[in-house]
Amino acid sequence: MLETEQKPPNNRASRRDFLRGSGLAAATTVLTGRATAAIEEARAQDSEVPILSGEVPLKLNVNGQEKTTVAEPRSTLLDTLRNRLDVTGPKRVCDRASCGACTVILEGETVYSCTTLAVSCQGKAIETIESFDTGPNGVPYAFHQNDGLMCGYCTPGFVTSCKALLDQNKNPTLEEIQRGLDGNICRCGTYGGVFKAALAAAKTMKGA
């Protein structure tokens, strides 16, 4: 009786199996590398940036004075100034950074305080209209003398933006003034008086 010839088992992997296996290994290595990098980055961020919750202590330099208070990390600079520090010059009107009534000067640049977090302003100089010169050489006086205000809601923002502009440009043209005050809106339409006031303030400040 003839014995059935048995073939030795084929232990050689096919080319398809080899490619499938090597591709899976490579993909695993790449994914693992990316996942590891993401985890390390998250750990680094966690170690460098503290997570704030509840009310936290704040130190704000407002008009040259160090002021301390507490506020939630989500609190805007406008809310903190008005509700916590009784600095009411910046006004809440649109509350969405489109009208300019809440404008303050932060480190020499105008910002909308209604969309700026108070916690991000620690260690920075904050100027509001309360600190401006109200005498004949000041911007508020120029607005008063040139009918640059009507209902008054937008006026602090315009005065603040004008002050910031003149701090950086002592002799602006009308076009430069219009561009510098572009982020402010007057619903009463007193733009003519506002521009005259800015030009008058520039002239007065230059001669002072």
Protein backbone atom coordinates (compact mmCIF):
# COMPACT_ATOMS: atom_id res chain seq x y z
CA MET A 1 0.00 0.00 0.00
CA LEU A 2 1.46 3.32 -1.04
CA GLU A 3 1.95 5.81 1.69
CA THR A 4 0.53 9.22 1.02
CA GLU A 5 3.36 11.64 0.50
CA GLN A 6 3.13 14.48 2.98
CA LYS A 7 4.37 17.86 1.95
CA PRO A 8 6.37 19.80 4.50
CA PRO A 9 4.47 22.73 5.93
CA ASN A 10 5.01 25.98 4.10
CA ASN A 11 6.49 28.35 6.63
CA ARG A 12 7.40 30.97 4.07
CA ALA A 13 5.21 34.06 4.25
CA SER A 14 3.74 35.26 1.03
CA ARG A 15 4.74 38.63 -0.38
CA ARG A 16 1.23 39.91 0.35
CA ASP A 17 1.44 38.80 3.98
CA PHE A 18 4.84 40.41 4.31
CA LEU A 19 3.65 43.73 2.91
CA ARG A 20 0.52 43.67 5.05
CA GLY A 21 2.51 42.96 8.18
CA SER A 22 5.23 45.51 7.51
CA GLY A 23 2.65 48.16 6.64
CA LEU A 24 0.75 47.54 9.86
CA ALA A 25 3.95 47.74 11.87
CA ALA A 26 4.94 51.00 10.22
CA ALA A 27 1.49 52.49 10.78
CA THR A 28 1.57 51.43 14.41
CA THR A 29 4.96 53.07 14.86
CA VAL A 30 3.76 56.33 13.29
CA LEU A 31 0.54 56.44 15.29
CA THR A 32 2.34 55.58 18.48
CA GLY A 33 4.90 58.30 17.80
CA ARG A 34 2.21 60.90 17.18
CA ALA A 35 0.20 59.81 20.19
CA THR A 36 3.31 59.96 22.38
CA ALA A 37 4.16 63.43 21.11
CA ALA A 38 0.61 64.62 21.80
CA ILE A 39 0.68 63.21 25.32
CA GLU A 40 4.05 64.80 26.04
CA GLU A 41 2.86 68.15 24.70
CA ALA A 42 -0.27 67.99 26.86
CA ARG A 43 1.82 67.15 29.92
CA ALA A 44 4.17 70.05 29.19
CA GLN A 45 1.26 72.45 28.84
CA ASP A 46 -0.32 71.19 32.04
CA SER A 47 2.93 71.76 33.90
CA GLU A 48 3.44 75.29 32.51
CA VAL A 49 -0.10 76.71 32.42
CA PRO A 50 -2.11 76.49 35.64
CA ILE A 51 -5.78 75.63 35.38
CA LEU A 52 -7.84 78.40 36.96
CA SER A 53 -11.33 77.97 38.35
CA GLY A 54 -13.62 79.83 40.69
CA GLU A 55 -12.63 83.32 41.75
CA VAL A 56 -8.92 84.05 41.55
CA PRO A 57 -6.94 86.99 42.95
CA LEU A 58 -6.04 89.71 40.44
CA LYS A 59 -3.55 92.55 40.52
CA LEU A 60 -4.19 95.19 37.86
CA ASN A 61 -2.24 98.37 37.19
CA VAL A 62 -5.04 100.83 36.45
CA ASN A 63 -4.17 104.47 35.77
CA GLY A 64 -0.84 104.11 37.53
CA GLN A 65 -2.29 102.51 40.65
CA GLU A 66 -1.96 98.89 41.75
CA LYS A 67 -5.45 97.53 42.36
CA THR A 68 -6.27 94.12 43.81
CA THR A 69 -9.51 92.22 43.51
CA VAL A 70 -10.91 88.78 42.79
CA ALA A 71 -12.73 87.64 39.67
CA GLU A 72 -13.48 84.52 37.70
CA PRO A 73 -10.95 83.65 34.98
CA ARG A 74 -13.67 84.21 32.37
CA SER A 75 -14.36 87.77 33.59
CA THR A 76 -13.70 90.46 31.02
CA LEU A 77 -11.61 93.50 31.75
CA LEU A 78 -14.72 95.66 31.30
CA ASP A 79 -16.69 93.72 33.94
CA THR A 80 -13.75 93.74 36.34
CA LEU A 81 -13.12 97.46 35.96
CA ARG A 82 -16.76 98.48 36.31
CA ASN A 83 -18.11 95.93 38.79
CA ARG A 84 -15.08 95.14 40.92
CA LEU A 85 -12.93 98.28 40.83
CA ASP A 86 -15.54 101.02 40.29
CA VAL A 87 -13.75 102.29 37.17
CA THR A 88 -16.80 103.20 35.12
CA GLY A 89 -15.30 105.28 32.30
CA PRO A 90 -15.36 102.40 29.78
CA LYS A 91 -18.99 101.80 28.81
CA ARG A 92 -20.90 98.62 27.99
CA VAL A 93 -22.92 99.18 24.82
CA CYS A 94 -22.65 96.46 22.17
CA ASP A 95 -20.72 93.96 24.37
CA ARG A 96 -19.30 92.31 21.23
CA ALA A 97 -16.29 94.44 20.24
CA SER A 98 -17.98 96.39 17.46
CA CYS A 99 -18.77 99.87 18.84
CA GLY A 100 -15.66 100.94 20.76
CA ALA A 101 -17.45 102.41 23.80
CA CYS A 102 -15.47 100.11 26.11
CA THR A 103 -12.07 101.09 24.71
CA VAL A 104 -9.12 101.27 27.10
CA ILE A 105 -5.39 101.72 26.50
CA LEU A 106 -3.41 98.58 27.32
CA GLU A 107 0.36 98.93 27.15
CA GLY A 108 -0.05 101.89 24.81
CA GLU A 109 -2.48 100.17 22.43
CA THR A 110 -6.26 100.50 22.32
CA VAL A 111 -8.25 97.33 23.08
CA TYR A 112 -11.92 96.49 23.50
CA SER A 113 -12.23 95.72 27.20
CA CYS A 114 -15.51 93.84 26.66
CA THR A 115 -13.65 91.02 24.90
CA THR A 116 -10.35 91.14 26.81
CA LEU A 117 -9.92 88.78 29.76
CA ALA A 118 -8.92 90.55 32.96
CA VAL A 119 -6.48 87.76 33.92
CA SER A 120 -4.51 88.44 30.73
CA CYS A 121 -3.94 92.08 31.76
CA GLN A 122 -1.98 91.42 34.94
CA GLY A 123 1.40 93.15 34.89
CA LYS A 124 0.31 95.50 32.08
CA ALA A 125 -0.43 99.22 32.24
CA ILE A 126 -4.13 99.97 31.80
CA GLU A 127 -5.28 103.53 31.07
CA THR A 128 -8.89 104.68 31.16
CA ILE A 129 -10.51 108.06 30.63
CA GLU A 130 -10.48 108.73 34.39
CA SER A 131 -6.74 109.45 34.23
CA PHE A 132 -6.79 111.89 31.29
CA ASP A 133 -5.97 115.58 31.61
CA THR A 134 -9.28 117.48 31.69
CA GLY A 135 -7.62 120.88 31.49
CA PRO A 136 -7.26 123.06 28.35
CA ASN A 137 -4.46 120.88 27.04
CA GLY A 138 -6.36 117.60 27.40
CA VAL A 139 -8.40 115.61 24.89
CA PRO A 140 -11.67 115.72 26.93
CA TYR A 141 -11.55 119.53 26.90
CA ALA A 142 -11.16 119.55 23.10
CA PHE A 143 -14.23 117.33 22.77
CA HIS A 144 -16.22 119.69 24.98
CA GLN A 145 -15.15 122.78 23.06
CA ASN A 146 -15.82 121.28 19.62
CA ASP A 147 -19.17 119.57 20.26
CA GLY A 148 -17.62 116.13 19.94
CA LEU A 149 -20.33 114.50 22.06
CA MET A 150 -24.10 114.19 22.16
CA CYS A 151 -25.73 111.39 24.16
CA GLY A 152 -22.36 110.53 25.70
CA TYR A 153 -22.36 106.73 25.52
CA CYS A 154 -19.67 106.55 22.85
CA THR A 155 -17.70 109.59 24.05
CA PRO A 156 -15.31 107.83 26.50
CA GLY A 157 -14.30 105.36 23.79
CA PHE A 158 -13.68 108.13 21.25
CA VAL A 159 -11.71 110.21 23.75
CA THR A 160 -9.62 107.17 24.70
CA SER A 161 -8.89 106.21 21.09
CA CYS A 162 -8.02 109.84 20.31
CA LYS A 163 -5.67 110.01 23.30
CA ALA A 164 -3.92 106.80 22.22
CA LEU A 165 -3.59 108.10 18.66
CA LEU A 166 -2.08 111.43 19.76
CA ASP A 167 0.32 109.68 22.13
CA GLN A 168 1.80 107.91 19.10
CA ASN A 169 1.30 110.62 16.46
CA LYS A 170 1.62 114.21 17.65
CA ASN A 171 0.66 115.75 14.32
CA PRO A 172 -1.90 113.53 12.56
CA THR A 173 -3.73 114.44 9.38
CA LEU A 174 -7.51 114.26 9.17
CA GLU A 175 -7.20 110.99 7.26
CA GLU A 176 -4.95 109.53 9.95
CA ILE A 177 -7.45 110.60 12.63
CA GLN A 178 -10.32 109.00 10.74
CA ARG A 179 -8.33 105.80 10.40
CA GLY A 180 -7.25 105.89 14.05
CA LEU A 181 -10.84 106.26 15.27
CA ASP A 182 -12.22 103.74 12.81
CA GLY A 183 -13.00 101.20 15.55
CA ASN A 184 -15.48 103.53 17.26
CA ILE A 185 -19.12 104.14 16.34
CA CYS A 186 -21.27 107.18 17.17
CA ARG A 187 -24.97 106.43 16.77
CA CYS A 188 -25.77 110.15 17.08
CA GLY A 189 -23.54 110.91 14.09
CA THR A 190 -21.30 113.52 15.71
CA TYR A 191 -18.29 112.48 13.63
CA GLY A 192 -17.69 116.03 12.39
CA GLY A 193 -17.31 117.32 15.94
CA VAL A 194 -15.18 114.33 16.91
CA PHE A 195 -12.71 114.92 14.08
CA LYS A 196 -12.56 118.67 14.84
CA ALA A 197 -11.91 117.86 18.48
CA ALA A 198 -9.10 115.47 17.60
CA LEU A 199 -7.44 118.06 15.33
CA ALA A 200 -7.83 120.74 18.01
CA ALA A 201 -6.38 118.46 20.69
CA ALA A 202 -3.42 117.65 18.46
CA LYS A 203 -2.76 121.36 17.89
CA THR A 204 -3.04 122.17 21.58
CA MET A 205 -0.90 119.26 22.72
CA LYS A 206 1.77 120.07 20.13
CA GLY A 207 2.00 123.65 21.38
CA ALA A 208 1.95 122.73 25.04
